[in-house]
Amino acid sequence: MVSAQQFITFQNVLAATSVVWYFTAVYYLELRRQFRFPEYPFASRYPLWRRRMKLYARLQATAPDNVSDRGPEAQEVLLGSLRKVETRTAVLAALWGVALVGLAALSLLQRNWQAGQLLMAALAVWSVPYAARLVLGISQIDQLETHKMMTRSSDDAAAAGLLQDQLIRDLFDKELAFRFSAFGFRALVVLLLALAVLRFAALGDLGALRW
């Protein structure tokens, strides 16, 4: 019978971390491709994202046939989408903070159980890319960023279009970061629940592992 102390070693945790981070990178790149793939070769213009804003705007417009992707209705939908994803991102960031602090606390509490310390530390390390990407996605478009766009064109209409493109890119980045990070958080919750079930099963002599 293999015990947890024998199975959960530093070498095994290090190898598992390499594998987890590799598949994390693959998942992120694939997710990013899915976010952008339908728009190639004109991804920089975000045509499908513009159509999404336009279609949502048609639902609330009094004259749907007059709605355009550059119109005020589409701009209102765009700003509303940004507010929504920013609110959800703030909530998820708080949950990640609680989860990582909890994992660190659990690791410190397992002083007489090296396998437990390694396991909690491994879960925290595995979660770093998901939490870090969410934090990197928390950005704002300030005066410095908008100034770069406004100086590209002296025409107000063209400059307004560039500013809207900037907002769409910001939405793209925030939604990508949120979906990626939310997947990691759900995976962490599932792993913790599975470990809890195995732990209680082992304590009741119902599991195969000897903790």
N, C-alpha and C. Protein backbone atom coordinates (compact mmCIF):
# COMPACT_ATOMS: atom_id res chain seq x y z
N MET A 1 0.84 -1.19 0.00
CA MET A 1 0.00 0.00 0.00
C MET A 1 0.89 1.25 0.00
N VAL A 2 0.64 2.16 -0.91
CA VAL A 2 1.43 3.37 -1.04
C VAL A 2 0.82 4.46 -0.18
N SER A 3 1.62 5.05 0.67
CA SER A 3 1.12 6.12 1.53
C SER A 3 1.29 7.47 0.84
N ALA A 4 0.58 8.45 1.37
CA ALA A 4 0.69 9.79 0.81
C ALA A 4 2.09 10.35 0.99
N GLN A 5 2.74 10.01 2.11
CA GLN A 5 4.10 10.50 2.36
C GLN A 5 5.06 10.00 1.29
N GLN A 6 4.85 8.78 0.82
CA GLN A 6 5.73 8.22 -0.20
C GLN A 6 5.43 8.77 -1.59
N PHE A 7 4.18 9.08 -1.85
CA PHE A 7 3.76 9.52 -3.17
C PHE A 7 3.97 11.02 -3.36
N ILE A 8 3.62 11.80 -2.36
CA ILE A 8 3.73 13.26 -2.47
C ILE A 8 5.11 13.69 -2.00
N THR A 9 6.05 13.70 -2.90
CA THR A 9 7.42 14.12 -2.63
C THR A 9 7.73 15.40 -3.41
N PHE A 10 8.83 16.03 -3.04
CA PHE A 10 9.20 17.27 -3.71
C PHE A 10 9.46 17.03 -5.20
N GLN A 11 10.11 15.93 -5.52
CA GLN A 11 10.40 15.63 -6.92
C GLN A 11 9.11 15.41 -7.71
N ASN A 12 8.16 14.67 -7.14
CA ASN A 12 6.90 14.42 -7.82
C ASN A 12 6.08 15.70 -7.99
N VAL A 13 6.10 16.54 -6.95
CA VAL A 13 5.37 17.80 -7.03
C VAL A 13 5.98 18.71 -8.08
N LEU A 14 7.31 18.74 -8.15
CA LEU A 14 7.99 19.56 -9.15
C LEU A 14 7.66 19.09 -10.56
N ALA A 15 7.65 17.77 -10.76
CA ALA A 15 7.30 17.23 -12.08
C ALA A 15 5.85 17.53 -12.43
N ALA A 16 4.97 17.38 -11.44
CA ALA A 16 3.55 17.67 -11.68
C ALA A 16 3.34 19.15 -11.99
N THR A 17 4.10 20.03 -11.34
CA THR A 17 3.98 21.46 -11.60
C THR A 17 4.37 21.78 -13.04
N SER A 18 5.42 21.15 -13.53
CA SER A 18 5.84 21.36 -14.92
C SER A 18 4.75 20.95 -15.89
N VAL A 19 4.12 19.80 -15.61
CA VAL A 19 3.06 19.31 -16.48
C VAL A 19 1.84 20.23 -16.43
N VAL A 20 1.46 20.64 -15.22
CA VAL A 20 0.29 21.52 -15.07
C VAL A 20 0.52 22.85 -15.76
N TRP A 21 1.68 23.43 -15.59
CA TRP A 21 1.96 24.72 -16.23
C TRP A 21 2.03 24.59 -17.74
N TYR A 22 2.51 23.45 -18.23
CA TYR A 22 2.55 23.25 -19.68
C TYR A 22 1.13 23.24 -20.26
N PHE A 23 0.24 22.46 -19.65
CA PHE A 23 -1.13 22.40 -20.15
C PHE A 23 -1.89 23.70 -19.89
N THR A 24 -1.48 24.43 -18.86
CA THR A 24 -2.07 25.75 -18.63
C THR A 24 -1.73 26.69 -19.78
N ALA A 25 -0.47 26.67 -20.21
CA ALA A 25 -0.05 27.50 -21.33
C ALA A 25 -0.76 27.10 -22.62
N VAL A 26 -0.91 25.79 -22.83
CA VAL A 26 -1.62 25.31 -24.03
C VAL A 26 -3.07 25.76 -24.00
N TYR A 27 -3.70 25.66 -22.85
CA TYR A 27 -5.10 26.08 -22.73
C TYR A 27 -5.24 27.57 -22.99
N TYR A 28 -4.34 28.37 -22.44
CA TYR A 28 -4.44 29.81 -22.63
C TYR A 28 -4.26 30.20 -24.09
N LEU A 29 -3.27 29.62 -24.75
CA LEU A 29 -3.05 29.93 -26.16
C LEU A 29 -4.22 29.50 -27.03
N GLU A 30 -4.80 28.36 -26.71
CA GLU A 30 -5.96 27.90 -27.46
C GLU A 30 -7.17 28.80 -27.21
N LEU A 31 -7.34 29.21 -25.97
CA LEU A 31 -8.45 30.12 -25.64
C LEU A 31 -8.27 31.45 -26.36
N ARG A 32 -7.06 31.95 -26.38
CA ARG A 32 -6.80 33.21 -27.07
C ARG A 32 -7.05 33.06 -28.57
N ARG A 33 -6.68 31.92 -29.12
CA ARG A 33 -6.95 31.68 -30.55
C ARG A 33 -8.43 31.67 -30.83
N GLN A 34 -9.22 31.04 -29.96
CA GLN A 34 -10.66 30.99 -30.14
C GLN A 34 -11.28 32.38 -30.05
N PHE A 35 -10.72 33.23 -29.20
CA PHE A 35 -11.24 34.58 -29.07
C PHE A 35 -11.01 35.40 -30.34
N ARG A 36 -9.91 35.10 -31.04
CA ARG A 36 -9.53 35.92 -32.19
C ARG A 36 -9.67 35.23 -33.54
N PHE A 37 -9.67 33.90 -33.55
CA PHE A 37 -9.59 33.16 -34.81
C PHE A 37 -10.67 33.55 -35.83
N PRO A 38 -11.95 33.70 -35.45
CA PRO A 38 -12.96 34.01 -36.47
C PRO A 38 -12.72 35.34 -37.17
N GLU A 39 -11.87 36.19 -36.62
CA GLU A 39 -11.69 37.51 -37.19
C GLU A 39 -10.46 37.63 -38.09
N TYR A 40 -9.64 36.60 -38.16
CA TYR A 40 -8.49 36.67 -39.05
C TYR A 40 -8.97 36.72 -40.50
N PRO A 41 -8.31 37.44 -41.40
CA PRO A 41 -7.04 38.16 -41.20
C PRO A 41 -7.21 39.61 -40.75
N PHE A 42 -8.42 39.98 -40.28
CA PHE A 42 -8.66 41.36 -39.87
C PHE A 42 -8.93 41.44 -38.37
N ALA A 43 -8.15 40.68 -37.60
CA ALA A 43 -8.39 40.61 -36.16
C ALA A 43 -8.24 41.96 -35.49
N SER A 44 -7.33 42.79 -36.00
CA SER A 44 -7.09 44.08 -35.35
C SER A 44 -8.30 45.01 -35.45
N ARG A 45 -9.19 44.72 -36.38
CA ARG A 45 -10.38 45.56 -36.53
C ARG A 45 -11.56 45.05 -35.71
N TYR A 46 -11.43 43.87 -35.16
CA TYR A 46 -12.46 43.28 -34.30
C TYR A 46 -13.87 43.33 -34.92
N PRO A 47 -14.03 42.81 -36.13
CA PRO A 47 -15.35 42.90 -36.78
C PRO A 47 -16.45 42.15 -36.04
N LEU A 48 -16.16 40.94 -35.53
CA LEU A 48 -17.20 40.19 -34.84
C LEU A 48 -17.56 40.83 -33.50
N TRP A 49 -16.58 41.44 -32.86
CA TRP A 49 -16.88 42.13 -31.62
C TRP A 49 -17.77 43.35 -31.90
N ARG A 50 -17.50 44.03 -33.00
CA ARG A 50 -18.34 45.17 -33.37
C ARG A 50 -19.76 44.71 -33.71
N ARG A 51 -19.85 43.60 -34.40
CA ARG A 51 -21.19 43.09 -34.75
C ARG A 51 -21.95 42.69 -33.49
N ARG A 52 -21.25 42.13 -32.52
CA ARG A 52 -21.88 41.78 -31.24
C ARG A 52 -22.46 43.01 -30.56
N MET A 53 -21.69 44.10 -30.51
CA MET A 53 -22.19 45.34 -29.90
C MET A 53 -23.39 45.89 -30.68
N LYS A 54 -23.29 45.80 -32.00
CA LYS A 54 -24.36 46.32 -32.84
C LYS A 54 -25.66 45.53 -32.64
N LEU A 55 -25.55 44.19 -32.56
CA LEU A 55 -26.74 43.37 -32.39
C LEU A 55 -27.39 43.60 -31.02
N TYR A 56 -26.57 43.73 -29.98
CA TYR A 56 -27.12 44.05 -28.67
C TYR A 56 -27.80 45.42 -28.69
N ALA A 57 -27.19 46.36 -29.41
CA ALA A 57 -27.75 47.70 -29.50
C ALA A 57 -29.10 47.69 -30.21
N ARG A 58 -29.26 46.83 -31.21
CA ARG A 58 -30.53 46.74 -31.93
C ARG A 58 -31.67 46.30 -31.01
N LEU A 59 -31.33 45.51 -30.00
CA LEU A 59 -32.37 45.01 -29.09
C LEU A 59 -32.99 46.11 -28.24
N GLN A 60 -32.23 47.18 -28.01
CA GLN A 60 -32.74 48.25 -27.16
C GLN A 60 -33.00 49.56 -27.91
N ALA A 61 -32.75 49.54 -29.22
CA ALA A 61 -32.94 50.76 -30.01
C ALA A 61 -34.40 50.89 -30.44
N THR A 62 -34.87 52.12 -30.51
CA THR A 62 -36.24 52.37 -30.99
C THR A 62 -36.31 52.27 -32.51
N ALA A 63 -35.17 52.47 -33.16
CA ALA A 63 -35.10 52.33 -34.62
C ALA A 63 -33.93 51.41 -34.96
N PRO A 64 -34.15 50.09 -34.86
CA PRO A 64 -33.04 49.13 -35.04
C PRO A 64 -32.33 49.24 -36.37
N ASP A 65 -33.05 49.61 -37.42
CA ASP A 65 -32.43 49.67 -38.74
C ASP A 65 -31.40 50.79 -38.86
N ASN A 66 -31.47 51.75 -37.96
CA ASN A 66 -30.54 52.88 -38.01
C ASN A 66 -29.32 52.69 -37.10
N VAL A 67 -29.23 51.52 -36.46
CA VAL A 67 -28.13 51.26 -35.54
C VAL A 67 -26.88 50.89 -36.33
N SER A 68 -25.75 51.45 -35.95
CA SER A 68 -24.47 51.11 -36.56
C SER A 68 -23.48 50.73 -35.48
N ASP A 69 -22.40 50.08 -35.89
CA ASP A 69 -21.41 49.66 -34.91
C ASP A 69 -20.62 50.83 -34.34
N ARG A 70 -20.75 52.00 -34.94
CA ARG A 70 -20.09 53.21 -34.44
C ARG A 70 -21.07 54.15 -33.76
N GLY A 71 -22.33 53.77 -33.70
CA GLY A 71 -23.35 54.65 -33.16
C GLY A 71 -23.35 54.71 -31.64
N PRO A 72 -24.15 55.62 -31.08
CA PRO A 72 -24.20 55.77 -29.62
C PRO A 72 -24.78 54.55 -28.91
N GLU A 73 -25.71 53.84 -29.57
CA GLU A 73 -26.28 52.65 -28.93
C GLU A 73 -25.23 51.57 -28.74
N ALA A 74 -24.42 51.34 -29.80
CA ALA A 74 -23.36 50.33 -29.70
C ALA A 74 -22.31 50.75 -28.67
N GLN A 75 -22.01 52.04 -28.62
CA GLN A 75 -21.04 52.52 -27.63
C GLN A 75 -21.56 52.31 -26.21
N GLU A 76 -22.84 52.52 -26.01
CA GLU A 76 -23.42 52.29 -24.68
C GLU A 76 -23.33 50.82 -24.29
N VAL A 77 -23.60 49.93 -25.24
CA VAL A 77 -23.48 48.50 -24.98
C VAL A 77 -22.03 48.14 -24.65
N LEU A 78 -21.10 48.71 -25.39
CA LEU A 78 -19.67 48.45 -25.16
C LEU A 78 -19.26 48.86 -23.75
N LEU A 79 -19.66 50.06 -23.34
CA LEU A 79 -19.30 50.54 -22.00
C LEU A 79 -19.97 49.69 -20.92
N GLY A 80 -21.22 49.27 -21.18
CA GLY A 80 -21.90 48.40 -20.22
C GLY A 80 -21.22 47.05 -20.09
N SER A 81 -20.73 46.51 -21.21
CA SER A 81 -20.01 45.23 -21.18
C SER A 81 -18.72 45.36 -20.40
N LEU A 82 -18.04 46.49 -20.57
CA LEU A 82 -16.81 46.72 -19.83
C LEU A 82 -17.07 46.81 -18.33
N ARG A 83 -18.13 47.52 -17.95
CA ARG A 83 -18.45 47.63 -16.52
C ARG A 83 -18.78 46.27 -15.93
N LYS A 84 -19.49 45.45 -16.70
CA LYS A 84 -19.89 44.13 -16.21
C LYS A 84 -18.68 43.24 -15.99
N VAL A 85 -17.79 43.17 -16.97
CA VAL A 85 -16.63 42.29 -16.83
C VAL A 85 -15.67 42.81 -15.77
N GLU A 86 -15.58 44.12 -15.60
CA GLU A 86 -14.72 44.68 -14.55
C GLU A 86 -15.25 44.34 -13.16
N THR A 87 -16.57 44.36 -13.01
CA THR A 87 -17.17 43.99 -11.72
C THR A 87 -16.92 42.52 -11.42
N ARG A 88 -17.14 41.67 -12.42
CA ARG A 88 -16.91 40.23 -12.22
C ARG A 88 -15.44 39.94 -11.97
N THR A 89 -14.56 40.68 -12.62
CA THR A 89 -13.13 40.49 -12.41
C THR A 89 -12.73 40.85 -10.99
N ALA A 90 -13.30 41.92 -10.46
CA ALA A 90 -13.00 42.33 -9.08
C ALA A 90 -13.44 41.25 -8.09
N VAL A 91 -14.61 40.67 -8.33
CA VAL A 91 -15.10 39.61 -7.44
C VAL A 91 -14.20 38.38 -7.52
N LEU A 92 -13.84 37.99 -8.74
CA LEU A 92 -12.98 36.82 -8.90
C LEU A 92 -11.60 37.06 -8.30
N ALA A 93 -11.08 38.27 -8.43
CA ALA A 93 -9.78 38.59 -7.84
C ALA A 93 -9.83 38.45 -6.32
N ALA A 94 -10.95 38.88 -5.72
CA ALA A 94 -11.11 38.73 -4.27
C ALA A 94 -11.17 37.25 -3.88
N LEU A 95 -11.87 36.45 -4.68
CA LEU A 95 -11.95 35.01 -4.40
C LEU A 95 -10.58 34.35 -4.51
N TRP A 96 -9.81 34.77 -5.52
CA TRP A 96 -8.46 34.23 -5.66
C TRP A 96 -7.60 34.61 -4.47
N GLY A 97 -7.75 35.82 -3.98
CA GLY A 97 -6.98 36.24 -2.82
C GLY A 97 -7.29 35.39 -1.61
N VAL A 98 -8.58 35.14 -1.38
CA VAL A 98 -8.99 34.29 -0.26
C VAL A 98 -8.46 32.87 -0.44
N ALA A 99 -8.55 32.35 -1.66
CA ALA A 99 -8.11 30.98 -1.91
C ALA A 99 -6.62 30.82 -1.70
N LEU A 100 -5.81 31.74 -2.21
CA LEU A 100 -4.36 31.63 -2.07
C LEU A 100 -3.91 31.82 -0.62
N VAL A 101 -4.55 32.75 0.07
CA VAL A 101 -4.23 32.92 1.50
C VAL A 101 -4.62 31.66 2.28
N GLY A 102 -5.78 31.08 1.92
CA GLY A 102 -6.22 29.85 2.58
C GLY A 102 -5.27 28.70 2.35
N LEU A 103 -4.79 28.56 1.12
CA LEU A 103 -3.82 27.49 0.81
C LEU A 103 -2.52 27.69 1.58
N ALA A 104 -2.07 28.95 1.67
CA ALA A 104 -0.85 29.22 2.42
C ALA A 104 -1.04 28.89 3.90
N ALA A 105 -2.22 29.25 4.44
CA ALA A 105 -2.50 28.96 5.84
C ALA A 105 -2.57 27.46 6.10
N LEU A 106 -3.21 26.73 5.20
CA LEU A 106 -3.30 25.27 5.35
C LEU A 106 -1.92 24.63 5.28
N SER A 107 -1.07 25.17 4.41
CA SER A 107 0.28 24.62 4.30
C SER A 107 1.05 24.83 5.61
N LEU A 108 0.90 26.00 6.22
CA LEU A 108 1.61 26.28 7.47
C LEU A 108 1.06 25.47 8.64
N LEU A 109 -0.23 25.13 8.57
CA LEU A 109 -0.83 24.36 9.65
C LEU A 109 -0.43 22.89 9.62
N GLN A 110 0.09 22.42 8.48
CA GLN A 110 0.45 21.02 8.34
C GLN A 110 1.93 20.80 8.70
N ARG A 111 2.36 21.30 9.83
CA ARG A 111 3.78 21.24 10.18
C ARG A 111 4.25 19.80 10.43
N ASN A 112 3.37 18.97 10.92
CA ASN A 112 3.76 17.59 11.20
C ASN A 112 3.45 16.65 10.04
N TRP A 113 3.08 17.23 8.92
CA TRP A 113 2.71 16.39 7.78
C TRP A 113 3.31 17.01 6.52
N GLN A 114 4.49 16.55 6.16
CA GLN A 114 5.22 17.15 5.04
C GLN A 114 4.45 17.01 3.74
N ALA A 115 3.80 15.87 3.55
CA ALA A 115 3.03 15.66 2.31
C ALA A 115 1.92 16.70 2.19
N GLY A 116 1.28 17.01 3.31
CA GLY A 116 0.21 18.00 3.29
C GLY A 116 0.74 19.38 2.94
N GLN A 117 1.89 19.74 3.49
CA GLN A 117 2.50 21.02 3.16
C GLN A 117 2.83 21.11 1.68
N LEU A 118 3.43 20.05 1.15
CA LEU A 118 3.78 20.04 -0.27
C LEU A 118 2.54 20.13 -1.15
N LEU A 119 1.49 19.43 -0.77
CA LEU A 119 0.28 19.42 -1.58
C LEU A 119 -0.38 20.79 -1.62
N MET A 120 -0.50 21.45 -0.46
CA MET A 120 -1.10 22.78 -0.42
C MET A 120 -0.23 23.79 -1.16
N ALA A 121 1.09 23.67 -0.99
CA ALA A 121 1.99 24.57 -1.71
C ALA A 121 1.90 24.36 -3.21
N ALA A 122 1.77 23.09 -3.62
CA ALA A 122 1.66 22.78 -5.05
C ALA A 122 0.39 23.39 -5.64
N LEU A 123 -0.72 23.27 -4.93
CA LEU A 123 -1.97 23.85 -5.41
C LEU A 123 -1.85 25.36 -5.56
N ALA A 124 -1.18 25.99 -4.62
CA ALA A 124 -0.98 27.44 -4.71
C ALA A 124 -0.13 27.81 -5.92
N VAL A 125 0.96 27.05 -6.13
CA VAL A 125 1.84 27.33 -7.26
C VAL A 125 1.13 27.07 -8.58
N TRP A 126 0.35 26.00 -8.64
CA TRP A 126 -0.40 25.71 -9.87
C TRP A 126 -1.40 26.82 -10.19
N SER A 127 -1.87 27.50 -9.17
CA SER A 127 -2.89 28.53 -9.37
C SER A 127 -2.31 29.87 -9.80
N VAL A 128 -1.00 30.04 -9.66
CA VAL A 128 -0.38 31.33 -9.92
C VAL A 128 -0.67 31.86 -11.33
N PRO A 129 -0.53 31.07 -12.41
CA PRO A 129 -0.78 31.63 -13.74
C PRO A 129 -2.20 32.16 -13.91
N TYR A 130 -3.18 31.46 -13.34
CA TYR A 130 -4.57 31.89 -13.47
C TYR A 130 -4.83 33.19 -12.71
N ALA A 131 -4.30 33.26 -11.50
CA ALA A 131 -4.47 34.48 -10.71
C ALA A 131 -3.68 35.64 -11.29
N ALA A 132 -2.46 35.35 -11.76
CA ALA A 132 -1.61 36.40 -12.31
C ALA A 132 -2.21 36.99 -13.59
N ARG A 133 -2.77 36.14 -14.44
CA ARG A 133 -3.37 36.64 -15.69
C ARG A 133 -4.56 37.54 -15.39
N LEU A 134 -5.31 37.21 -14.35
CA LEU A 134 -6.44 38.05 -13.98
C LEU A 134 -5.95 39.42 -13.51
N VAL A 135 -4.90 39.42 -12.70
CA VAL A 135 -4.35 40.69 -12.21
C VAL A 135 -3.80 41.53 -13.36
N LEU A 136 -3.13 40.88 -14.30
CA LEU A 136 -2.60 41.61 -15.45
C LEU A 136 -3.72 42.16 -16.33
N GLY A 137 -4.88 41.51 -16.28
CA GLY A 137 -6.01 41.98 -17.07
C GLY A 137 -6.72 43.17 -16.46
N ILE A 138 -6.41 43.46 -15.19
CA ILE A 138 -7.02 44.62 -14.53
C ILE A 138 -6.23 45.85 -14.91
N SER A 139 -6.62 46.46 -15.98
CA SER A 139 -5.94 47.66 -16.46
C SER A 139 -6.99 48.72 -16.80
N GLN A 140 -6.54 49.92 -16.97
CA GLN A 140 -7.45 50.99 -17.31
C GLN A 140 -6.92 51.78 -18.49
N ILE A 141 -7.83 52.41 -19.20
CA ILE A 141 -7.44 53.29 -20.30
C ILE A 141 -7.44 54.71 -19.76
N ASP A 142 -6.26 55.23 -19.53
CA ASP A 142 -6.15 56.56 -18.94
C ASP A 142 -5.76 57.58 -20.01
N GLN A 143 -5.44 58.78 -19.56
CA GLN A 143 -5.12 59.86 -20.48
C GLN A 143 -3.91 59.55 -21.34
N LEU A 144 -2.92 58.88 -20.76
CA LEU A 144 -1.72 58.55 -21.54
C LEU A 144 -2.05 57.62 -22.69
N GLU A 145 -2.92 56.63 -22.42
CA GLU A 145 -3.29 55.68 -23.48
C GLU A 145 -4.14 56.35 -24.55
N THR A 146 -5.10 57.15 -24.13
CA THR A 146 -5.97 57.80 -25.12
C THR A 146 -5.20 58.86 -25.91
N HIS A 147 -4.21 59.47 -25.30
CA HIS A 147 -3.43 60.49 -26.01
C HIS A 147 -2.73 59.90 -27.23
N LYS A 148 -2.25 58.64 -27.08
CA LYS A 148 -1.59 57.99 -28.20
C LYS A 148 -2.55 57.83 -29.38
N MET A 149 -3.82 57.53 -29.08
CA MET A 149 -4.80 57.34 -30.15
C MET A 149 -5.21 58.68 -30.76
N MET A 150 -5.38 59.69 -29.91
CA MET A 150 -5.86 60.98 -30.41
C MET A 150 -4.84 61.67 -31.30
N THR A 151 -3.56 61.40 -31.05
CA THR A 151 -2.52 62.04 -31.86
C THR A 151 -2.29 61.35 -33.20
N ARG A 152 -2.93 60.22 -33.39
CA ARG A 152 -2.76 59.51 -34.67
C ARG A 152 -3.57 60.15 -35.79
N SER A 153 -4.58 60.92 -35.44
CA SER A 153 -5.43 61.53 -36.46
C SER A 153 -5.90 62.90 -35.98
N SER A 154 -5.90 63.86 -36.89
CA SER A 154 -6.40 65.20 -36.57
C SER A 154 -7.90 65.29 -36.78
N ASP A 155 -8.48 64.28 -37.43
CA ASP A 155 -9.92 64.27 -37.68
C ASP A 155 -10.64 63.67 -36.48
N ASP A 156 -11.61 64.40 -35.94
CA ASP A 156 -12.30 63.95 -34.73
C ASP A 156 -13.03 62.64 -34.93
N ALA A 157 -13.64 62.46 -36.09
CA ALA A 157 -14.39 61.22 -36.35
C ALA A 157 -13.45 60.02 -36.38
N ALA A 158 -12.31 60.19 -37.04
CA ALA A 158 -11.34 59.10 -37.10
C ALA A 158 -10.75 58.83 -35.72
N ALA A 159 -10.47 59.90 -34.97
CA ALA A 159 -9.93 59.72 -33.62
C ALA A 159 -10.93 59.02 -32.71
N ALA A 160 -12.22 59.36 -32.87
CA ALA A 160 -13.26 58.70 -32.07
C ALA A 160 -13.31 57.21 -32.39
N GLY A 161 -13.13 56.86 -33.67
CA GLY A 161 -13.12 55.45 -34.05
C GLY A 161 -11.94 54.72 -33.43
N LEU A 162 -10.79 55.39 -33.38
CA LEU A 162 -9.61 54.77 -32.77
C LEU A 162 -9.81 54.57 -31.27
N LEU A 163 -10.46 55.52 -30.63
CA LEU A 163 -10.73 55.38 -29.20
C LEU A 163 -11.68 54.22 -28.93
N GLN A 164 -12.66 54.05 -29.82
CA GLN A 164 -13.57 52.92 -29.66
C GLN A 164 -12.85 51.60 -29.90
N ASP A 165 -11.95 51.57 -30.87
CA ASP A 165 -11.14 50.37 -31.08
C ASP A 165 -10.35 50.02 -29.82
N GLN A 166 -9.86 51.05 -29.16
CA GLN A 166 -9.09 50.85 -27.93
C GLN A 166 -9.97 50.23 -26.84
N LEU A 167 -11.21 50.70 -26.74
CA LEU A 167 -12.14 50.14 -25.76
C LEU A 167 -12.47 48.68 -26.07
N ILE A 168 -12.61 48.36 -27.35
CA ILE A 168 -12.90 46.97 -27.73
C ILE A 168 -11.71 46.08 -27.40
N ARG A 169 -10.50 46.55 -27.65
CA ARG A 169 -9.32 45.77 -27.28
C ARG A 169 -9.25 45.57 -25.77
N ASP A 170 -9.63 46.58 -25.03
CA ASP A 170 -9.65 46.46 -23.57
C ASP A 170 -10.68 45.42 -23.14
N LEU A 171 -11.85 45.42 -23.78
CA LEU A 171 -12.87 44.42 -23.48
C LEU A 171 -12.38 43.02 -23.83
N PHE A 172 -11.74 42.90 -24.98
CA PHE A 172 -11.18 41.61 -25.40
C PHE A 172 -10.22 41.07 -24.35
N ASP A 173 -9.31 41.91 -23.89
CA ASP A 173 -8.30 41.47 -22.93
C ASP A 173 -8.93 41.10 -21.59
N LYS A 174 -9.90 41.88 -21.14
CA LYS A 174 -10.53 41.61 -19.85
C LYS A 174 -11.39 40.34 -19.89
N GLU A 175 -12.13 40.14 -20.97
CA GLU A 175 -12.95 38.93 -21.07
C GLU A 175 -12.09 37.68 -21.20
N LEU A 176 -11.00 37.78 -21.95
CA LEU A 176 -10.08 36.65 -22.07
C LEU A 176 -9.47 36.31 -20.72
N ALA A 177 -9.02 37.32 -19.99
CA ALA A 177 -8.42 37.09 -18.68
C ALA A 177 -9.43 36.49 -17.71
N PHE A 178 -10.66 36.97 -17.75
CA PHE A 178 -11.67 36.46 -16.82
C PHE A 178 -12.01 35.00 -17.11
N ARG A 179 -12.21 34.66 -18.37
CA ARG A 179 -12.56 33.28 -18.70
C ARG A 179 -11.43 32.33 -18.33
N PHE A 180 -10.21 32.71 -18.63
CA PHE A 180 -9.05 31.89 -18.30
C PHE A 180 -8.92 31.70 -16.79
N SER A 181 -9.04 32.78 -16.05
CA SER A 181 -8.88 32.72 -14.61
C SER A 181 -10.05 31.98 -13.95
N ALA A 182 -11.26 32.16 -14.47
CA ALA A 182 -12.42 31.47 -13.90
C ALA A 182 -12.29 29.96 -14.07
N PHE A 183 -11.74 29.53 -15.19
CA PHE A 183 -11.51 28.10 -15.39
C PHE A 183 -10.55 27.57 -14.34
N GLY A 184 -9.47 28.30 -14.09
CA GLY A 184 -8.51 27.87 -13.08
C GLY A 184 -9.12 27.81 -11.69
N PHE A 185 -9.97 28.77 -11.37
CA PHE A 185 -10.59 28.79 -10.05
C PHE A 185 -11.55 27.62 -9.87
N ARG A 186 -12.32 27.33 -10.91
CA ARG A 186 -13.22 26.18 -10.84
C ARG A 186 -12.44 24.88 -10.69
N ALA A 187 -11.32 24.77 -11.42
CA ALA A 187 -10.48 23.57 -11.30
C ALA A 187 -9.92 23.43 -9.88
N LEU A 188 -9.52 24.55 -9.28
CA LEU A 188 -9.01 24.52 -7.91
C LEU A 188 -10.08 24.05 -6.93
N VAL A 189 -11.29 24.55 -7.08
CA VAL A 189 -12.39 24.14 -6.20
C VAL A 189 -12.66 22.65 -6.32
N VAL A 190 -12.66 22.15 -7.56
CA VAL A 190 -12.91 20.72 -7.77
C VAL A 190 -11.80 19.89 -7.13
N LEU A 191 -10.55 20.32 -7.28
CA LEU A 191 -9.43 19.58 -6.67
C LEU A 191 -9.53 19.58 -5.14
N LEU A 192 -9.89 20.71 -4.56
CA LEU A 192 -10.01 20.78 -3.11
C LEU A 192 -11.14 19.88 -2.61
N LEU A 193 -12.25 19.87 -3.33
CA LEU A 193 -13.36 18.99 -2.94
C LEU A 193 -12.96 17.52 -3.05
N ALA A 194 -12.23 17.18 -4.13
CA ALA A 194 -11.79 15.79 -4.29
C ALA A 194 -10.82 15.39 -3.18
N LEU A 195 -9.91 16.30 -2.82
CA LEU A 195 -8.98 16.01 -1.73
C LEU A 195 -9.70 15.86 -0.40
N ALA A 196 -10.72 16.67 -0.18
CA ALA A 196 -11.48 16.56 1.07
C ALA A 196 -12.20 15.22 1.15
N VAL A 197 -12.78 14.79 0.03
CA VAL A 197 -13.47 13.50 0.01
C VAL A 197 -12.48 12.37 0.28
N LEU A 198 -11.31 12.41 -0.37
CA LEU A 198 -10.30 11.38 -0.15
C LEU A 198 -9.80 11.39 1.28
N ARG A 199 -9.67 12.56 1.84
CA ARG A 199 -9.18 12.68 3.21
C ARG A 199 -10.16 12.04 4.20
N PHE A 200 -11.43 12.38 4.06
CA PHE A 200 -12.44 11.81 4.95
C PHE A 200 -12.60 10.31 4.72
N ALA A 201 -12.46 9.89 3.46
CA ALA A 201 -12.55 8.45 3.17
C ALA A 201 -11.39 7.71 3.82
N ALA A 202 -10.20 8.32 3.79
CA ALA A 202 -9.04 7.68 4.38
C ALA A 202 -9.18 7.60 5.91
N LEU A 203 -9.71 8.67 6.48
CA LEU A 203 -9.90 8.66 7.93
C LEU A 203 -10.90 7.60 8.38
N GLY A 204 -11.83 7.29 7.49
CA GLY A 204 -12.84 6.27 7.82
C GLY A 204 -12.47 4.89 7.31
N ASP A 205 -11.20 4.73 6.91
CA ASP A 205 -10.73 3.44 6.39
C ASP A 205 -11.52 3.00 5.17
N LEU A 206 -12.00 4.00 4.41
CA LEU A 206 -12.75 3.65 3.20
C LEU A 206 -11.93 3.90 1.96
N GLY A 207 -10.78 4.57 2.12
CA GLY A 207 -9.96 4.88 0.97
C GLY A 207 -8.81 3.90 0.83
N ALA A 208 -8.14 4.01 -0.30
CA ALA A 208 -7.01 3.13 -0.54
C ALA A 208 -5.70 3.75 -0.05
N LEU A 209 -5.70 5.06 0.17
CA LEU A 209 -4.49 5.72 0.61
C LEU A 209 -4.42 5.73 2.13
N ARG A 210 -3.23 5.63 2.64
CA ARG A 210 -3.02 5.72 4.09
C ARG A 210 -2.40 7.07 4.40
N TRP A 211 -3.24 7.99 4.93
CA TRP A 211 -2.79 9.33 5.23
C TRP A 211 -2.14 9.31 6.60
